[in-house]
Amino acid sequence: MSDLTPSPDRPGLHVAKPSPNAPATGSAVCHCGARATATGDDQVKALVDGWTAHHGAAHGKG
């Protein structure tokens, strides 16, 4: 499997939770230049909510 971490060349959102007891991690890079990372289930949920509301498809690109 290739590296799924977003980058300026491949913007997007990546979320991982390797096991039910491990904290989730997430990273996002938008084509507008915004980037963010999060660790912990609540923080990753906030990252996903923010990405959905303000980046990615919100800019007309996914």
PDB file of N, CA and C in Angstrom:
ATOM      1  N   MET A   1       0.849  -1.180   0.000  1.00  0.00           N
ATOM      2  CA  MET A   1       0.000   0.000   0.000  1.00  0.00           C
ATOM      3  C   MET A   1       0.888   1.235   0.000  1.00  0.00           C
ATOM      4  N   SER A   2       0.503   2.213  -0.777  1.00  0.00           N
ATOM      5  CA  SER A   2       1.283   3.446  -0.849  1.00  0.00           C
ATOM      6  C   SER A   2       1.007   4.324   0.364  1.00  0.00           C
ATOM      7  N   ASP A   3       1.861   5.306   0.537  1.00  0.00           N
ATOM      8  CA  ASP A   3       1.701   6.263   1.631  1.00  0.00           C
ATOM      9  C   ASP A   3       0.465   7.111   1.363  1.00  0.00           C
ATOM     10  N   LEU A   4      -0.452   7.150   2.303  1.00  0.00           N
ATOM     11  CA  LEU A   4      -1.702   7.895   2.140  1.00  0.00           C
ATOM     12  C   LEU A   4      -1.678   9.256   2.822  1.00  0.00           C
ATOM     13  N   THR A   5      -0.510   9.658   3.339  1.00  0.00           N
ATOM     14  CA  THR A   5      -0.395  10.937   4.014  1.00  0.00           C
ATOM     15  C   THR A   5      -0.568  12.069   3.009  1.00  0.00           C
ATOM     16  N   PRO A   6      -1.485  13.018   3.286  1.00  0.00           N
ATOM     17  CA  PRO A   6      -1.674  14.134   2.366  1.00  0.00           C
ATOM     18  C   PRO A   6      -0.418  14.990   2.258  1.00  0.00           C
ATOM     19  N   SER A   7      -0.248  15.608   1.105  1.00  0.00           N
ATOM     20  CA  SER A   7       0.882  16.506   0.872  1.00  0.00           C
ATOM     21  C   SER A   7       0.399  17.624  -0.045  1.00  0.00           C
ATOM     22  N   PRO A   8       1.198  18.671  -0.211  1.00  0.00           N
ATOM     23  CA  PRO A   8       0.787  19.735  -1.133  1.00  0.00           C
ATOM     24  C   PRO A   8       0.532  19.218  -2.556  1.00  0.00           C
ATOM     25  N   ASP A   9       1.276  18.185  -2.970  1.00  0.00           N
ATOM     26  CA  ASP A   9       1.072  17.600  -4.292  1.00  0.00           C
ATOM     27  C   ASP A   9      -0.143  16.674  -4.338  1.00  0.00           C
ATOM     28  N   ARG A  10      -0.537  16.142  -3.186  1.00  0.00           N
ATOM     29  CA  ARG A  10      -1.684  15.240  -3.082  1.00  0.00           C
ATOM     30  C   ARG A  10      -2.524  15.661  -1.886  1.00  0.00           C
ATOM     31  N   PRO A  11      -3.264  16.782  -2.016  1.00  0.00           N
ATOM     32  CA  PRO A  11      -4.059  17.244  -0.875  1.00  0.00           C
ATOM     33  C   PRO A  11      -5.146  16.237  -0.513  1.00  0.00           C
ATOM     34  N   GLY A  12      -5.531  16.273   0.737  1.00  0.00           N
ATOM     35  CA  GLY A  12      -6.594  15.386   1.188  1.00  0.00           C
ATOM     36  C   GLY A  12      -6.605  15.251   2.690  1.00  0.00           C
ATOM     37  N   LEU A  13      -7.376  14.297   3.141  1.00  0.00           N
ATOM     38  CA  LEU A  13      -7.570  14.018   4.563  1.00  0.00           C
ATOM     39  C   LEU A  13      -7.241  12.558   4.803  1.00  0.00           C
ATOM     40  N   HIS A  14      -6.451  12.272   5.827  1.00  0.00           N
ATOM     41  CA  HIS A  14      -6.119  10.887   6.182  1.00  0.00           C
ATOM     42  C   HIS A  14      -6.382  10.693   7.664  1.00  0.00           C
ATOM     43  N   VAL A  15      -7.136   9.658   7.991  1.00  0.00           N
ATOM     44  CA  VAL A  15      -7.451   9.318   9.379  1.00  0.00           C
ATOM     45  C   VAL A  15      -7.076   7.859   9.597  1.00  0.00           C
ATOM     46  N   ALA A  16      -6.465   7.564  10.738  1.00  0.00           N
ATOM     47  CA  ALA A  16      -6.092   6.191  11.081  1.00  0.00           C
ATOM     48  C   ALA A  16      -6.452   5.909  12.531  1.00  0.00           C
ATOM     49  N   LYS A  17      -6.866   4.685  12.774  1.00  0.00           N
ATOM     50  CA  LYS A  17      -7.122   4.191  14.133  1.00  0.00           C
ATOM     51  C   LYS A  17      -6.749   2.715  14.104  1.00  0.00           C
ATOM     52  N   PRO A  18      -5.499   2.403  14.455  1.00  0.00           N
ATOM     53  CA  PRO A  18      -4.997   1.049  14.268  1.00  0.00           C
ATOM     54  C   PRO A  18      -5.696  -0.026  15.096  1.00  0.00           C
ATOM     55  N   SER A  19      -6.297   0.353  16.204  1.00  0.00           N
ATOM     56  CA  SER A  19      -7.043  -0.614  17.007  1.00  0.00           C
ATOM     57  C   SER A  19      -8.100   0.138  17.816  1.00  0.00           C
ATOM     58  N   PRO A  20      -9.110  -0.557  18.313  1.00  0.00           N
ATOM     59  CA  PRO A  20     -10.161   0.111  19.079  1.00  0.00           C
ATOM     60  C   PRO A  20      -9.647   0.845  20.319  1.00  0.00           C
ATOM     61  N   ASN A  21      -8.533   0.386  20.877  1.00  0.00           N
ATOM     62  CA  ASN A  21      -8.005   1.008  22.091  1.00  0.00           C
ATOM     63  C   ASN A  21      -6.974   2.090  21.829  1.00  0.00           C
ATOM     64  N   ALA A  22      -6.537   2.229  20.577  1.00  0.00           N
ATOM     65  CA  ALA A  22      -5.534   3.238  20.231  1.00  0.00           C
ATOM     66  C   ALA A  22      -6.229   4.554  19.882  1.00  0.00           C
ATOM     67  N   PRO A  23      -5.565   5.678  20.160  1.00  0.00           N
ATOM     68  CA  PRO A  23      -6.159   6.954  19.758  1.00  0.00           C
ATOM     69  C   PRO A  23      -6.101   7.116  18.242  1.00  0.00           C
ATOM     70  N   ALA A  24      -7.093   7.759  17.699  1.00  0.00           N
ATOM     71  CA  ALA A  24      -7.093   8.072  16.273  1.00  0.00           C
ATOM     72  C   ALA A  24      -6.047   9.143  15.993  1.00  0.00           C
ATOM     73  N   THR A  25      -5.525   9.148  14.768  1.00  0.00           N
ATOM     74  CA  THR A  25      -4.642  10.215  14.306  1.00  0.00           C
ATOM     75  C   THR A  25      -5.172  10.693  12.963  1.00  0.00           C
ATOM     76  N   GLY A  26      -4.929  11.937  12.661  1.00  0.00           N
ATOM     77  CA  GLY A  26      -5.393  12.473  11.390  1.00  0.00           C
ATOM     78  C   GLY A  26      -4.486  13.567  10.887  1.00  0.00           C
ATOM     79  N   SER A  27      -4.449  13.729   9.577  1.00  0.00           N
ATOM     80  CA  SER A  27      -3.718  14.820   8.965  1.00  0.00           C
ATOM     81  C   SER A  27      -4.491  15.278   7.740  1.00  0.00           C
ATOM     82  N   ALA A  28      -4.368  16.555   7.450  1.00  0.00           N
ATOM     83  CA  ALA A  28      -5.054  17.134   6.306  1.00  0.00           C
ATOM     84  C   ALA A  28      -4.176  18.189   5.671  1.00  0.00           C
ATOM     85  N   VAL A  29      -4.198  18.229   4.344  1.00  0.00           N
ATOM     86  CA  VAL A  29      -3.543  19.279   3.576  1.00  0.00           C
ATOM     87  C   VAL A  29      -4.532  19.666   2.485  1.00  0.00           C
ATOM     88  N   CYS A  30      -4.835  20.948   2.406  1.00  0.00           N
ATOM     89  CA  CYS A  30      -5.772  21.449   1.404  1.00  0.00           C
ATOM     90  C   CYS A  30      -4.999  22.079   0.257  1.00  0.00           C
ATOM     91  N   HIS A  31      -5.585  22.070  -0.920  1.00  0.00           N
ATOM     92  CA  HIS A  31      -4.934  22.699  -2.064  1.00  0.00           C
ATOM     93  C   HIS A  31      -4.776  24.207  -1.865  1.00  0.00           C
ATOM     94  N   CYS A  32      -5.513  24.811  -0.906  1.00  0.00           N
ATOM     95  CA  CYS A  32      -5.373  26.244  -0.621  1.00  0.00           C
ATOM     96  C   CYS A  32      -4.149  26.530   0.242  1.00  0.00           C
ATOM     97  N   GLY A  33      -3.481  25.468   0.740  1.00  0.00           N
ATOM     98  CA  GLY A  33      -2.285  25.643   1.549  1.00  0.00           C
ATOM     99  C   GLY A  33      -2.493  25.362   3.026  1.00  0.00           C
ATOM    100  N   ALA A  34      -3.743  25.267   3.475  1.00  0.00           N
ATOM    101  CA  ALA A  34      -4.008  24.960   4.884  1.00  0.00           C
ATOM    102  C   ALA A  34      -3.583  23.529   5.183  1.00  0.00           C
ATOM    103  N   ARG A  35      -3.081  23.330   6.394  1.00  0.00           N
ATOM    104  CA  ARG A  35      -2.706  21.979   6.832  1.00  0.00           C
ATOM    105  C   ARG A  35      -2.940  21.853   8.322  1.00  0.00           C
ATOM    106  N   ALA A  36      -3.215  20.634   8.776  1.00  0.00           N
ATOM    107  CA  ALA A  36      -3.462  20.394  10.194  1.00  0.00           C
ATOM    108  C   ALA A  36      -3.220  18.930  10.510  1.00  0.00           C
ATOM    109  N   THR A  37      -2.903  18.663  11.783  1.00  0.00           N
ATOM    110  CA  THR A  37      -2.798  17.297  12.286  1.00  0.00           C
ATOM    111  C   THR A  37      -3.563  17.223  13.592  1.00  0.00           C
ATOM    112  N   ALA A  38      -3.952  16.011  13.969  1.00  0.00           N
ATOM    113  CA  ALA A  38      -4.673  15.813  15.223  1.00  0.00           C
ATOM    114  C   ALA A  38      -4.385  14.429  15.763  1.00  0.00           C
ATOM    115  N   THR A  39      -4.421  14.322  17.077  1.00  0.00           N
ATOM    116  CA  THR A  39      -4.260  13.039  17.757  1.00  0.00           C
ATOM    117  C   THR A  39      -5.338  12.945  18.829  1.00  0.00           C
ATOM    118  N   GLY A  40      -5.989  11.811  18.894  1.00  0.00           N
ATOM    119  CA  GLY A  40      -7.071  11.599  19.849  1.00  0.00           C
ATOM    120  C   GLY A  40      -8.410  11.642  19.122  1.00  0.00           C
ATOM    121  N   ASP A  41      -9.318  10.803  19.554  1.00  0.00           N
ATOM    122  CA  ASP A  41     -10.588  10.653  18.854  1.00  0.00           C
ATOM    123  C   ASP A  41     -11.350  11.975  18.729  1.00  0.00           C
ATOM    124  N   ASP A  42     -11.462  12.737  19.785  1.00  0.00           N
ATOM    125  CA  ASP A  42     -12.214  13.995  19.734  1.00  0.00           C
ATOM    126  C   ASP A  42     -11.531  15.018  18.830  1.00  0.00           C
ATOM    127  N   GLN A  43     -10.216  15.101  18.909  1.00  0.00           N
ATOM    128  CA  GLN A  43      -9.489  16.059  18.083  1.00  0.00           C
ATOM    129  C   GLN A  43      -9.567  15.679  16.602  1.00  0.00           C
ATOM    130  N   VAL A  44      -9.494  14.392  16.310  1.00  0.00           N
ATOM    131  CA  VAL A  44      -9.597  13.948  14.920  1.00  0.00           C
ATOM    132  C   VAL A  44     -11.003  14.202  14.382  1.00  0.00           C
ATOM    133  N   LYS A  45     -12.013  13.999  15.204  1.00  0.00           N
ATOM    134  CA  LYS A  45     -13.382  14.316  14.765  1.00  0.00           C
ATOM    135  C   LYS A  45     -13.495  15.800  14.433  1.00  0.00           C
ATOM    136  N   ALA A  46     -12.898  16.666  15.253  1.00  0.00           N
ATOM    137  CA  ALA A  46     -12.914  18.107  14.985  1.00  0.00           C
ATOM    138  C   ALA A  46     -12.160  18.427  13.694  1.00  0.00           C
ATOM    139  N   LEU A  47     -11.048  17.747  13.446  1.00  0.00           N
ATOM    140  CA  LEU A  47     -10.295  17.933  12.203  1.00  0.00           C
ATOM    141  C   LEU A  47     -11.156  17.571  10.998  1.00  0.00           C
ATOM    142  N   VAL A  48     -11.820  16.429  11.061  1.00  0.00           N
ATOM    143  CA  VAL A  48     -12.684  15.987   9.961  1.00  0.00           C
ATOM    144  C   VAL A  48     -13.834  16.977   9.759  1.00  0.00           C
ATOM    145  N   ASP A  49     -14.458  17.414  10.848  1.00  0.00           N
ATOM    146  CA  ASP A  49     -15.557  18.379  10.737  1.00  0.00           C
ATOM    147  C   ASP A  49     -15.084  19.681  10.104  1.00  0.00           C
ATOM    148  N   GLY A  50     -13.918  20.167  10.519  1.00  0.00           N
ATOM    149  CA  GLY A  50     -13.374  21.398   9.949  1.00  0.00           C
ATOM    150  C   GLY A  50     -13.018  21.241   8.479  1.00  0.00           C
ATOM    151  N   TRP A  51     -12.420  20.115   8.126  1.00  0.00           N
ATOM    152  CA  TRP A  51     -12.079  19.834   6.724  1.00  0.00           C
ATOM    153  C   TRP A  51     -13.351  19.828   5.879  1.00  0.00           C
ATOM    154  N   THR A  52     -14.367  19.150   6.364  1.00  0.00           N
ATOM    155  CA  THR A  52     -15.622  19.030   5.620  1.00  0.00           C
ATOM    156  C   THR A  52     -16.279  20.398   5.430  1.00  0.00           C
ATOM    157  N   ALA A  53     -16.226  21.222   6.447  1.00  0.00           N
ATOM    158  CA  ALA A  53     -16.895  22.528   6.391  1.00  0.00           C
ATOM    159  C   ALA A  53     -16.105  23.579   5.612  1.00  0.00           C
ATOM    160  N   HIS A  54     -14.771  23.506   5.618  1.00  0.00           N
ATOM    161  CA  HIS A  54     -13.971  24.622   5.105  1.00  0.00           C
ATOM    162  C   HIS A  54     -12.962  24.287   4.019  1.00  0.00           C
ATOM    163  N   HIS A  55     -12.702  23.014   3.761  1.00  0.00           N
ATOM    164  CA  HIS A  55     -11.652  22.634   2.801  1.00  0.00           C
ATOM    165  C   HIS A  55     -12.160  21.510   1.911  1.00  0.00           C
ATOM    166  N   GLY A  56     -11.255  20.932   1.138  1.00  0.00           N
ATOM    167  CA  GLY A  56     -11.630  19.835   0.270  1.00  0.00           C
ATOM    168  C   GLY A  56     -12.792  20.194  -0.646  1.00  0.00           C
ATOM    169  N   ALA A  57     -13.883  19.477  -0.522  1.00  0.00           N
ATOM    170  CA  ALA A  57     -15.052  19.709  -1.384  1.00  0.00           C
ATOM    171  C   ALA A  57     -15.651  21.096  -1.179  1.00  0.00           C
ATOM    172  N   ALA A  58     -15.439  21.710  -0.010  1.00  0.00           N
ATOM    173  CA  ALA A  58     -15.955  23.062   0.240  1.00  0.00           C
ATOM    174  C   ALA A  58     -15.330  24.081  -0.720  1.00  0.00           C
ATOM    175  N   HIS A  59     -14.144  23.749  -1.266  1.00  0.00           N
ATOM    176  CA  HIS A  59     -13.473  24.598  -2.254  1.00  0.00           C
ATOM    177  C   HIS A  59     -13.832  24.187  -3.679  1.00  0.00           C
ATOM    178  N   GLY A  60     -14.663  23.167  -3.813  1.00  0.00           N
ATOM    179  CA  GLY A  60     -15.000  22.670  -5.136  1.00  0.00           C
ATOM    180  C   GLY A  60     -14.048  21.609  -5.645  1.00  0.00           C
ATOM    181  N   LYS A  61     -13.109  21.199  -4.790  1.00  0.00           N
ATOM    182  CA  LYS A  61     -12.179  20.108  -5.114  1.00  0.00           C
ATOM    183  C   LYS A  61     -12.168  19.158  -3.942  1.00  0.00           C
ATOM    184  N   GLY A  62     -12.100  17.861  -4.167  1.00  0.00           N
ATOM    185  CA  GLY A  62     -12.136  16.878  -3.090  1.00  0.00           C
ATOM    186  C   GLY A  62     -10.831  16.377  -2.675  1.00  0.00           C
TER     187      GLY A  62
END
